[in-house]
Amino acid sequence: MKCFDVHRRCGVSCDEKDCRQWIDYEDDLNCTIVAVNNNNEAPMTLREVGDRVGVSFVRIKQIEDKILGKLTKRKSIGK
């Protein structure tokens, strides 16, 4: 059983700040895995992602645009 399963089942927030899945967001038990699984019905908005990682939704949009640009460039090179 994975640690996020235990936290979700027991409803206890993670306190392992060294874990690469840890986020400072109590509503999701401080775990990105829990955050993703809690929102599997609909994708998170940019604002929801920003709230979880502690940056503005505008910054999340900038990151998204940069990633999409790289993916588009990679796709056109691979043809």
N, C-alpha and C. Protein backbone atom coordinates (compact mmCIF):
# COMPACT_ATOMS: atom_id res chain seq x y z
N MET A 1 0.84 -1.18 0.00
CA MET A 1 0.00 0.00 0.00
C MET A 1 0.89 1.25 0.00
N LYS A 2 0.56 2.18 -0.84
CA LYS A 2 1.33 3.42 -0.96
C LYS A 2 0.95 4.39 0.15
N CYS A 3 1.86 5.30 0.47
CA CYS A 3 1.61 6.23 1.57
C CYS A 3 0.37 7.09 1.32
N PHE A 4 0.15 7.51 0.06
CA PHE A 4 -1.01 8.36 -0.21
C PHE A 4 -2.32 7.60 0.01
N ASP A 5 -2.31 6.29 -0.19
CA ASP A 5 -3.50 5.49 0.11
C ASP A 5 -3.81 5.52 1.60
N VAL A 6 -2.76 5.42 2.41
CA VAL A 6 -2.94 5.46 3.86
C VAL A 6 -3.46 6.82 4.29
N HIS A 7 -2.87 7.88 3.77
CA HIS A 7 -3.33 9.23 4.15
C HIS A 7 -4.78 9.45 3.74
N ARG A 8 -5.13 9.01 2.54
CA ARG A 8 -6.50 9.21 2.07
C ARG A 8 -7.48 8.39 2.90
N ARG A 9 -7.13 7.13 3.18
CA ARG A 9 -8.02 6.25 3.95
C ARG A 9 -8.22 6.77 5.37
N CYS A 10 -7.15 7.26 5.99
CA CYS A 10 -7.21 7.73 7.37
C CYS A 10 -7.61 9.20 7.48
N GLY A 11 -7.57 9.92 6.36
CA GLY A 11 -7.90 11.35 6.38
C GLY A 11 -6.88 12.19 7.11
N VAL A 12 -5.62 11.76 7.08
CA VAL A 12 -4.54 12.45 7.78
C VAL A 12 -3.59 13.07 6.75
N SER A 13 -3.26 14.33 6.94
CA SER A 13 -2.34 15.01 6.03
C SER A 13 -0.93 14.47 6.16
N CYS A 14 -0.23 14.46 5.05
CA CYS A 14 1.16 14.03 5.02
C CYS A 14 2.06 15.11 5.64
N ASP A 15 3.06 14.69 6.38
CA ASP A 15 3.99 15.65 6.95
C ASP A 15 5.42 15.41 6.45
N GLU A 16 5.56 14.57 5.41
CA GLU A 16 6.86 14.26 4.83
C GLU A 16 7.21 15.29 3.76
N LYS A 17 7.72 16.44 4.19
CA LYS A 17 8.01 17.52 3.26
C LYS A 17 9.11 17.18 2.27
N ASP A 18 9.89 16.15 2.53
CA ASP A 18 10.93 15.73 1.61
C ASP A 18 10.40 14.86 0.47
N CYS A 19 9.17 14.41 0.58
CA CYS A 19 8.55 13.59 -0.45
C CYS A 19 8.34 14.44 -1.71
N ARG A 20 8.65 13.90 -2.87
CA ARG A 20 8.50 14.69 -4.10
C ARG A 20 7.03 14.92 -4.45
N GLN A 21 6.11 14.22 -3.83
CA GLN A 21 4.68 14.40 -4.07
C GLN A 21 4.04 15.38 -3.10
N TRP A 22 4.81 15.90 -2.13
CA TRP A 22 4.27 16.77 -1.08
C TRP A 22 3.98 18.16 -1.62
N ILE A 23 2.81 18.70 -1.26
CA ILE A 23 2.46 20.10 -1.53
C ILE A 23 1.88 20.68 -0.26
N ASP A 24 2.00 21.96 -0.11
CA ASP A 24 1.47 22.63 1.07
C ASP A 24 0.01 23.00 0.82
N TYR A 25 -0.85 21.99 0.87
CA TYR A 25 -2.28 22.18 0.59
C TYR A 25 -3.07 21.16 1.38
N GLU A 26 -3.52 21.57 2.56
CA GLU A 26 -4.20 20.69 3.51
C GLU A 26 -5.46 20.02 2.93
N ASP A 27 -6.21 20.74 2.08
CA ASP A 27 -7.44 20.16 1.54
C ASP A 27 -7.19 18.87 0.77
N ASP A 28 -5.99 18.73 0.22
CA ASP A 28 -5.62 17.51 -0.50
C ASP A 28 -4.61 16.69 0.29
N LEU A 29 -4.65 16.84 1.60
CA LEU A 29 -3.80 16.08 2.52
C LEU A 29 -2.31 16.25 2.22
N ASN A 30 -1.95 17.40 1.64
CA ASN A 30 -0.56 17.76 1.29
C ASN A 30 0.06 16.79 0.29
N CYS A 31 -0.73 16.21 -0.59
CA CYS A 31 -0.23 15.21 -1.52
C CYS A 31 -0.75 15.46 -2.93
N THR A 32 0.16 15.54 -3.90
CA THR A 32 -0.28 15.75 -5.28
C THR A 32 -1.08 14.57 -5.81
N ILE A 33 -0.75 13.36 -5.37
CA ILE A 33 -1.48 12.18 -5.82
C ILE A 33 -2.93 12.25 -5.35
N VAL A 34 -3.13 12.64 -4.10
CA VAL A 34 -4.49 12.80 -3.57
C VAL A 34 -5.22 13.90 -4.34
N ALA A 35 -4.53 15.00 -4.63
CA ALA A 35 -5.13 16.11 -5.38
C ALA A 35 -5.64 15.65 -6.74
N VAL A 36 -4.82 14.91 -7.45
CA VAL A 36 -5.21 14.42 -8.77
C VAL A 36 -6.37 13.44 -8.66
N ASN A 37 -6.31 12.54 -7.72
CA ASN A 37 -7.38 11.55 -7.56
C ASN A 37 -8.68 12.17 -7.07
N ASN A 38 -8.61 13.24 -6.29
CA ASN A 38 -9.82 13.91 -5.81
C ASN A 38 -10.55 14.61 -6.94
N ASN A 39 -9.85 14.96 -7.98
CA ASN A 39 -10.43 15.76 -9.06
C ASN A 39 -10.49 14.99 -10.37
N ASN A 40 -10.74 13.68 -10.29
CA ASN A 40 -10.72 12.89 -11.51
C ASN A 40 -11.99 13.03 -12.35
N GLU A 41 -13.05 13.66 -11.81
CA GLU A 41 -14.26 13.85 -12.60
C GLU A 41 -14.06 14.94 -13.64
N ALA A 42 -13.34 15.98 -13.29
CA ALA A 42 -13.11 17.11 -14.19
C ALA A 42 -11.68 17.61 -13.99
N PRO A 43 -11.06 18.06 -15.05
CA PRO A 43 -9.70 18.59 -14.90
C PRO A 43 -9.70 19.83 -13.98
N MET A 44 -8.60 20.04 -13.29
CA MET A 44 -8.47 21.22 -12.44
C MET A 44 -8.34 22.47 -13.31
N THR A 45 -8.87 23.56 -12.81
CA THR A 45 -8.67 24.83 -13.49
C THR A 45 -7.24 25.32 -13.22
N LEU A 46 -6.80 26.28 -14.01
CA LEU A 46 -5.47 26.87 -13.78
C LEU A 46 -5.40 27.49 -12.39
N ARG A 47 -6.49 28.07 -11.95
CA ARG A 47 -6.52 28.68 -10.61
C ARG A 47 -6.37 27.62 -9.52
N GLU A 48 -7.03 26.48 -9.69
CA GLU A 48 -6.90 25.39 -8.71
C GLU A 48 -5.47 24.85 -8.66
N VAL A 49 -4.85 24.70 -9.81
CA VAL A 49 -3.46 24.25 -9.84
C VAL A 49 -2.57 25.29 -9.17
N GLY A 50 -2.77 26.55 -9.49
CA GLY A 50 -1.98 27.62 -8.88
C GLY A 50 -2.12 27.66 -7.37
N ASP A 51 -3.33 27.48 -6.88
CA ASP A 51 -3.56 27.45 -5.43
C ASP A 51 -2.77 26.33 -4.77
N ARG A 52 -2.70 25.21 -5.42
CA ARG A 52 -2.02 24.05 -4.84
C ARG A 52 -0.50 24.20 -4.82
N VAL A 53 0.05 24.82 -5.84
CA VAL A 53 1.51 24.95 -5.90
C VAL A 53 2.00 26.32 -5.45
N GLY A 54 1.08 27.20 -5.09
CA GLY A 54 1.47 28.48 -4.49
C GLY A 54 1.93 29.54 -5.48
N VAL A 55 1.40 29.51 -6.69
CA VAL A 55 1.69 30.56 -7.67
C VAL A 55 0.38 31.02 -8.29
N SER A 56 0.43 32.12 -9.03
CA SER A 56 -0.79 32.65 -9.64
C SER A 56 -1.23 31.79 -10.82
N PHE A 57 -2.51 31.88 -11.16
CA PHE A 57 -3.00 31.12 -12.31
C PHE A 57 -2.37 31.65 -13.59
N VAL A 58 -1.98 32.92 -13.59
CA VAL A 58 -1.31 33.49 -14.77
C VAL A 58 0.03 32.79 -14.99
N ARG A 59 0.77 32.53 -13.91
CA ARG A 59 2.05 31.83 -14.03
C ARG A 59 1.83 30.40 -14.51
N ILE A 60 0.78 29.74 -14.03
CA ILE A 60 0.47 28.39 -14.50
C ILE A 60 0.17 28.42 -16.00
N LYS A 61 -0.56 29.44 -16.46
CA LYS A 61 -0.87 29.59 -17.88
C LYS A 61 0.41 29.78 -18.69
N GLN A 62 1.34 30.57 -18.17
CA GLN A 62 2.62 30.77 -18.86
C GLN A 62 3.36 29.44 -19.00
N ILE A 63 3.38 28.67 -17.94
CA ILE A 63 4.05 27.36 -17.96
C ILE A 63 3.35 26.43 -18.95
N GLU A 64 2.03 26.43 -18.93
CA GLU A 64 1.26 25.60 -19.85
C GLU A 64 1.57 25.98 -21.30
N ASP A 65 1.59 27.26 -21.60
CA ASP A 65 1.88 27.72 -22.96
C ASP A 65 3.27 27.30 -23.42
N LYS A 66 4.24 27.40 -22.52
CA LYS A 66 5.60 27.01 -22.87
C LYS A 66 5.68 25.51 -23.16
N ILE A 67 5.03 24.71 -22.33
CA ILE A 67 5.03 23.26 -22.54
C ILE A 67 4.34 22.90 -23.85
N LEU A 68 3.19 23.51 -24.11
CA LEU A 68 2.47 23.22 -25.35
C LEU A 68 3.29 23.62 -26.57
N GLY A 69 4.02 24.74 -26.47
CA GLY A 69 4.90 25.16 -27.56
C GLY A 69 6.00 24.14 -27.82
N LYS A 70 6.58 23.63 -26.75
CA LYS A 70 7.63 22.62 -26.90
C LYS A 70 7.08 21.34 -27.51
N LEU A 71 5.89 20.93 -27.08
CA LEU A 71 5.29 19.72 -27.62
C LEU A 71 4.95 19.89 -29.10
N THR A 72 4.45 21.05 -29.48
CA THR A 72 4.13 21.32 -30.88
C THR A 72 5.39 21.30 -31.73
N LYS A 73 6.44 21.92 -31.22
CA LYS A 73 7.71 21.95 -31.94
C LYS A 73 8.26 20.54 -32.10
N ARG A 74 8.22 19.76 -31.04
CA ARG A 74 8.72 18.38 -31.09
C ARG A 74 7.92 17.54 -32.08
N LYS A 75 6.61 17.75 -32.10
CA LYS A 75 5.75 17.00 -33.01
C LYS A 75 6.06 17.33 -34.46
N SER A 76 6.30 18.61 -34.76
CA SER A 76 6.59 18.99 -36.14
C SER A 76 7.97 18.51 -36.57
N ILE A 77 8.90 18.38 -35.67
CA ILE A 77 10.23 17.87 -35.99
C ILE A 77 10.17 16.38 -36.26
N GLY A 78 9.31 15.67 -35.52
CA GLY A 78 9.20 14.23 -35.65
C GLY A 78 8.51 13.74 -36.91
N LYS A 79 7.93 14.63 -37.68
CA LYS A 79 7.19 14.21 -38.89
C LYS A 79 8.12 13.82 -40.00
